[in-house]
């Protein structure tokens, strides 16, 4: 309980207090302590929160201790990042082979069924938040229970790894020969442009 030791510099006490604030219960307990005994740490908490990139107003000095401790930790922004997929099923033209790719139907289509390539546009499937724009090259495939064939991709621009389910049924299933190559560990050759693409 280094944060209680008034002989130590306030920066060290604040760092120890924030390191101990690991969850809601700890924030509540430490916030109650700040309200009761730790008023001298409020300016340090405000400064440390700002140093961590948290936009804290000057009025934060007068917030309840729990709120100040929770916000000064600087963990709220990452906690608010989207993690659940967004279902997008759109027709597109393949950036690799030029084929016109129809919607996937029951499953969201996120790669070309002919060459199995995709474009790196998502951080979370469907969010369109990645600014990379590189081509996701299929590197391998695995058979996984209910998911069926899963294609492993590597972005040719940034190296990002991603896994996507293969579409083996629907209006435009993935090329079975290309999937067999992936499952065998062989590289998938670029597909020839499709007639009428």
Protein backbone atom coordinates (compact mmCIF):
# COMPACT_ATOMS: atom_id res chain seq x y z
CA UNK A 1 0.00 0.00 0.00
CA UNK A 2 2.64 2.41 -1.17
CA UNK A 3 0.02 5.04 -2.03
CA UNK A 4 -0.69 5.56 1.71
CA UNK A 5 2.94 6.35 2.59
CA UNK A 6 3.01 10.16 2.81
CA UNK A 7 6.83 10.15 3.01
CA UNK A 8 7.04 9.09 -0.67
CA UNK A 9 6.77 11.51 -3.60
CA UNK A 10 3.21 11.97 -4.83
CA UNK A 11 4.11 10.71 -8.35
CA UNK A 12 5.17 7.37 -6.91
CA UNK A 13 2.09 7.17 -4.70
CA UNK A 14 -0.20 7.95 -7.66
CA UNK A 15 1.52 5.33 -9.84
CA UNK A 16 1.10 2.72 -7.08
CA UNK A 17 -2.56 3.64 -6.57
CA UNK A 18 -3.35 3.37 -10.29
CA UNK A 19 -1.43 0.09 -10.55
CA UNK A 20 -3.62 -1.30 -7.75
CA UNK A 21 -6.83 -0.13 -9.49
CA UNK A 22 -7.22 -3.32 -11.53
CA UNK A 23 -11.01 -3.57 -11.68
CA UNK A 24 -14.31 -2.03 -10.61
CA UNK A 25 -14.11 -3.26 -7.02
CA UNK A 26 -10.56 -1.95 -6.62
CA UNK A 27 -11.51 1.42 -8.20
CA UNK A 28 -14.43 1.71 -5.79
CA UNK A 29 -12.28 0.87 -2.75
CA UNK A 30 -9.40 3.14 -3.80
CA UNK A 31 -11.80 5.92 -4.77
CA UNK A 32 -13.35 5.77 -1.30
CA UNK A 33 -9.85 6.02 0.17
CA UNK A 34 -9.09 9.08 -2.01
CA UNK A 35 -12.35 10.70 -0.80
CA UNK A 36 -11.58 9.97 2.86
CA UNK A 37 -7.81 10.34 3.18
CA UNK A 38 -6.12 10.93 -0.17
CA UNK A 39 -7.19 14.43 -1.21
CA UNK A 40 -3.51 15.34 -1.55
CA UNK A 41 -3.26 12.86 -4.46
CA UNK A 42 -6.04 14.40 -6.55
CA UNK A 43 -3.74 16.81 -8.51
CA UNK A 44 -1.33 13.92 -9.14
CA UNK A 45 -4.16 11.68 -10.38
CA UNK A 46 -5.32 14.45 -12.73
CA UNK A 47 -1.78 14.99 -14.07
CA UNK A 48 -1.14 11.24 -14.52
CA UNK A 49 -4.44 10.75 -16.31
CA UNK A 50 -3.59 13.56 -18.70
CA UNK A 51 -0.11 12.12 -19.21
CA UNK A 52 -1.79 8.84 -20.23
CA UNK A 53 -3.81 10.69 -22.86
CA UNK A 54 -7.11 10.94 -20.98
CA UNK A 55 -9.05 14.14 -21.62
CA UNK A 56 -9.71 15.18 -18.01
CA UNK A 57 -11.19 18.62 -17.32
CA UNK A 58 -9.94 20.75 -14.41
CA UNK A 59 -13.24 19.98 -12.62
CA UNK A 60 -12.07 16.38 -12.30
CA UNK A 61 -10.28 17.48 -9.11
CA UNK A 62 -13.73 17.67 -7.50
CA UNK A 63 -15.13 14.41 -8.89
CA UNK A 64 -15.88 11.51 -6.55
CA UNK A 65 -12.71 9.51 -5.96
CA UNK A 66 -14.00 6.40 -7.71
CA UNK A 67 -14.71 8.31 -10.92
CA UNK A 68 -11.35 10.09 -10.83
CA UNK A 69 -9.39 6.87 -10.23
CA UNK A 70 -11.33 4.98 -12.92
CA UNK A 71 -10.82 7.70 -15.55
CA UNK A 72 -7.18 8.43 -14.64
CA UNK A 73 -6.25 4.80 -15.37
CA UNK A 74 -6.68 5.58 -19.08
CA UNK A 75 -8.35 2.28 -19.94
CA UNK A 76 -11.77 3.47 -21.07
CA UNK A 77 -10.95 4.16 -24.73
CA UNK A 78 -9.59 0.64 -25.44
CA UNK A 79 -12.58 -0.85 -23.62
CA UNK A 80 -14.93 1.02 -25.95
CA UNK A 81 -13.33 -0.27 -29.17
CA UNK A 82 -15.65 -2.49 -31.14
CA UNK A 83 -14.89 -6.22 -30.91
CA UNK A 84 -18.03 -7.86 -32.25
CA UNK A 85 -18.34 -8.42 -36.01
CA UNK A 86 -20.66 -6.39 -38.22
CA UNK A 87 -22.45 -8.51 -40.80
CA UNK A 88 -21.81 -7.02 -44.24
CA UNK A 89 -22.72 -8.98 -47.33
CA UNK A 90 -22.00 -6.86 -50.37
CA UNK A 91 -21.17 -7.63 -54.00
CA UNK A 92 -17.71 -6.40 -55.04
CA UNK A 93 -15.06 -6.60 -57.74
CA UNK A 94 -11.99 -8.59 -56.66
CA UNK A 95 -8.92 -6.37 -56.34
CA UNK A 96 -6.65 -9.33 -57.22
CA UNK A 97 -8.25 -11.15 -60.18
CA UNK A 98 -10.93 -8.63 -61.22
CA UNK A 99 -13.86 -11.05 -60.93
CA UNK A 100 -17.28 -9.69 -60.05
CA UNK A 101 -18.24 -11.37 -56.80
CA UNK A 102 -21.92 -11.66 -55.84
CA UNK A 103 -23.26 -11.47 -52.29
CA UNK A 104 -22.70 -14.55 -50.15
CA UNK A 105 -26.35 -15.10 -49.25
CA UNK A 106 -26.70 -16.82 -45.88
CA UNK A 107 -23.06 -16.03 -44.99
CA UNK A 108 -21.29 -12.72 -45.36
CA UNK A 109 -18.90 -12.78 -48.33
CA UNK A 110 -15.51 -11.29 -47.48
CA UNK A 111 -13.20 -12.85 -50.07
CA UNK A 112 -13.18 -13.77 -53.75
CA UNK A 113 -14.49 -17.31 -54.38
CA UNK A 114 -12.16 -17.75 -57.38
CA UNK A 115 -8.73 -16.67 -56.13
CA UNK A 116 -9.61 -16.67 -52.39
CA UNK A 117 -7.96 -13.24 -51.94
CA UNK A 118 -9.43 -10.42 -49.90
CA UNK A 119 -8.60 -6.79 -49.17
CA UNK A 120 -7.42 -5.73 -45.70
CA UNK A 121 -10.15 -3.21 -44.84
CA UNK A 122 -11.37 -4.48 -41.43
CA UNK A 123 -9.96 -4.54 -37.93
CA UNK A 124 -13.06 -6.36 -36.73
CA UNK A 125 -15.02 -8.14 -39.50
CA UNK A 126 -17.29 -5.61 -41.20
CA UNK A 127 -16.08 -2.43 -39.47
CA UNK A 128 -14.07 -1.07 -42.46
CA UNK A 129 -11.68 0.60 -39.98
CA UNK A 130 -8.30 -0.67 -41.29
CA UNK A 131 -6.53 1.89 -43.44
CA UNK A 132 -4.03 -0.66 -44.84
CA UNK A 133 -5.79 -1.73 -48.04
CA UNK A 134 -3.27 -4.51 -48.76
CA UNK A 135 -4.22 -7.82 -50.34
CA UNK A 136 -4.90 -10.64 -47.88
CA UNK A 137 -3.12 -13.63 -49.42
CA UNK A 138 -4.35 -17.12 -48.45
CA UNK A 139 -1.49 -18.93 -46.70
CA UNK A 140 -3.13 -22.09 -45.34
CA UNK A 141 -6.40 -23.75 -44.53
CA UNK A 142 -7.70 -25.94 -41.71
CA UNK A 143 -10.78 -28.04 -41.05
CA UNK A 144 -12.44 -26.91 -37.83
CA UNK A 145 -15.59 -28.55 -36.49
CA UNK A 146 -18.73 -26.51 -37.16
CA UNK A 147 -16.78 -23.75 -38.94
CA UNK A 148 -15.74 -26.15 -41.72
CA UNK A 149 -12.81 -24.95 -43.80
CA UNK A 150 -11.07 -21.92 -42.30
CA UNK A 151 -8.73 -19.90 -44.52
CA UNK A 152 -5.70 -18.23 -42.90
CA UNK A 153 -4.62 -14.99 -44.58
CA UNK A 154 -1.56 -12.73 -44.34
CA UNK A 155 -1.68 -9.15 -45.58
CA UNK A 156 0.97 -8.55 -48.23
CA UNK A 157 1.38 -4.93 -47.08
CA UNK A 158 1.40 -4.98 -43.25
CA UNK A 159 1.69 -8.69 -42.38
CA UNK A 160 -1.60 -8.80 -40.44
CA UNK A 161 -2.94 -12.34 -39.94
CA UNK A 162 -6.65 -13.07 -40.28
CA UNK A 163 -8.86 -16.15 -40.36
CA UNK A 164 -12.08 -16.44 -42.40
CA UNK A 165 -14.51 -19.23 -43.01
CA UNK A 166 -14.66 -20.61 -46.52
CA UNK A 167 -18.05 -20.51 -48.21
CA UNK A 168 -18.73 -24.00 -49.51
CA UNK A 169 -22.41 -23.53 -50.33
CA UNK A 170 -24.62 -20.70 -51.47
CA UNK A 171 -24.98 -18.85 -54.75
CA UNK A 172 -21.22 -18.67 -55.43
CA UNK A 173 -19.20 -21.18 -53.36
CA UNK A 174 -15.42 -20.98 -53.02
CA UNK A 175 -13.39 -22.83 -55.65
CA UNK A 176 -13.09 -26.43 -54.33
CA UNK A 177 -9.75 -26.96 -56.12
CA UNK A 178 -8.27 -23.86 -54.47
CA UNK A 179 -9.54 -24.98 -51.06
CA UNK A 180 -7.98 -28.44 -51.56
CA UNK A 181 -4.65 -26.79 -52.38
CA UNK A 182 -4.83 -24.72 -49.20
CA UNK A 183 -5.72 -27.73 -47.05
CA UNK A 184 -2.78 -29.62 -48.59
CA UNK A 185 -0.43 -26.74 -47.70
CA UNK A 186 0.18 -25.69 -51.32
CA UNK A 187 -0.01 -22.05 -52.45
CA UNK A 188 -3.13 -20.94 -54.27
CA UNK A 189 -2.24 -19.66 -57.75
CA UNK A 190 -3.79 -16.41 -58.92
CA UNK A 191 -7.08 -17.03 -60.69
CA UNK A 192 -7.46 -16.07 -64.30
CA UNK A 193 -9.88 -13.18 -64.83
CA UNK A 194 -13.44 -14.41 -65.27
CA UNK A 195 -15.35 -13.96 -68.50
CA UNK A 196 -17.84 -11.12 -68.17
CA UNK A 197 -15.93 -9.59 -65.22
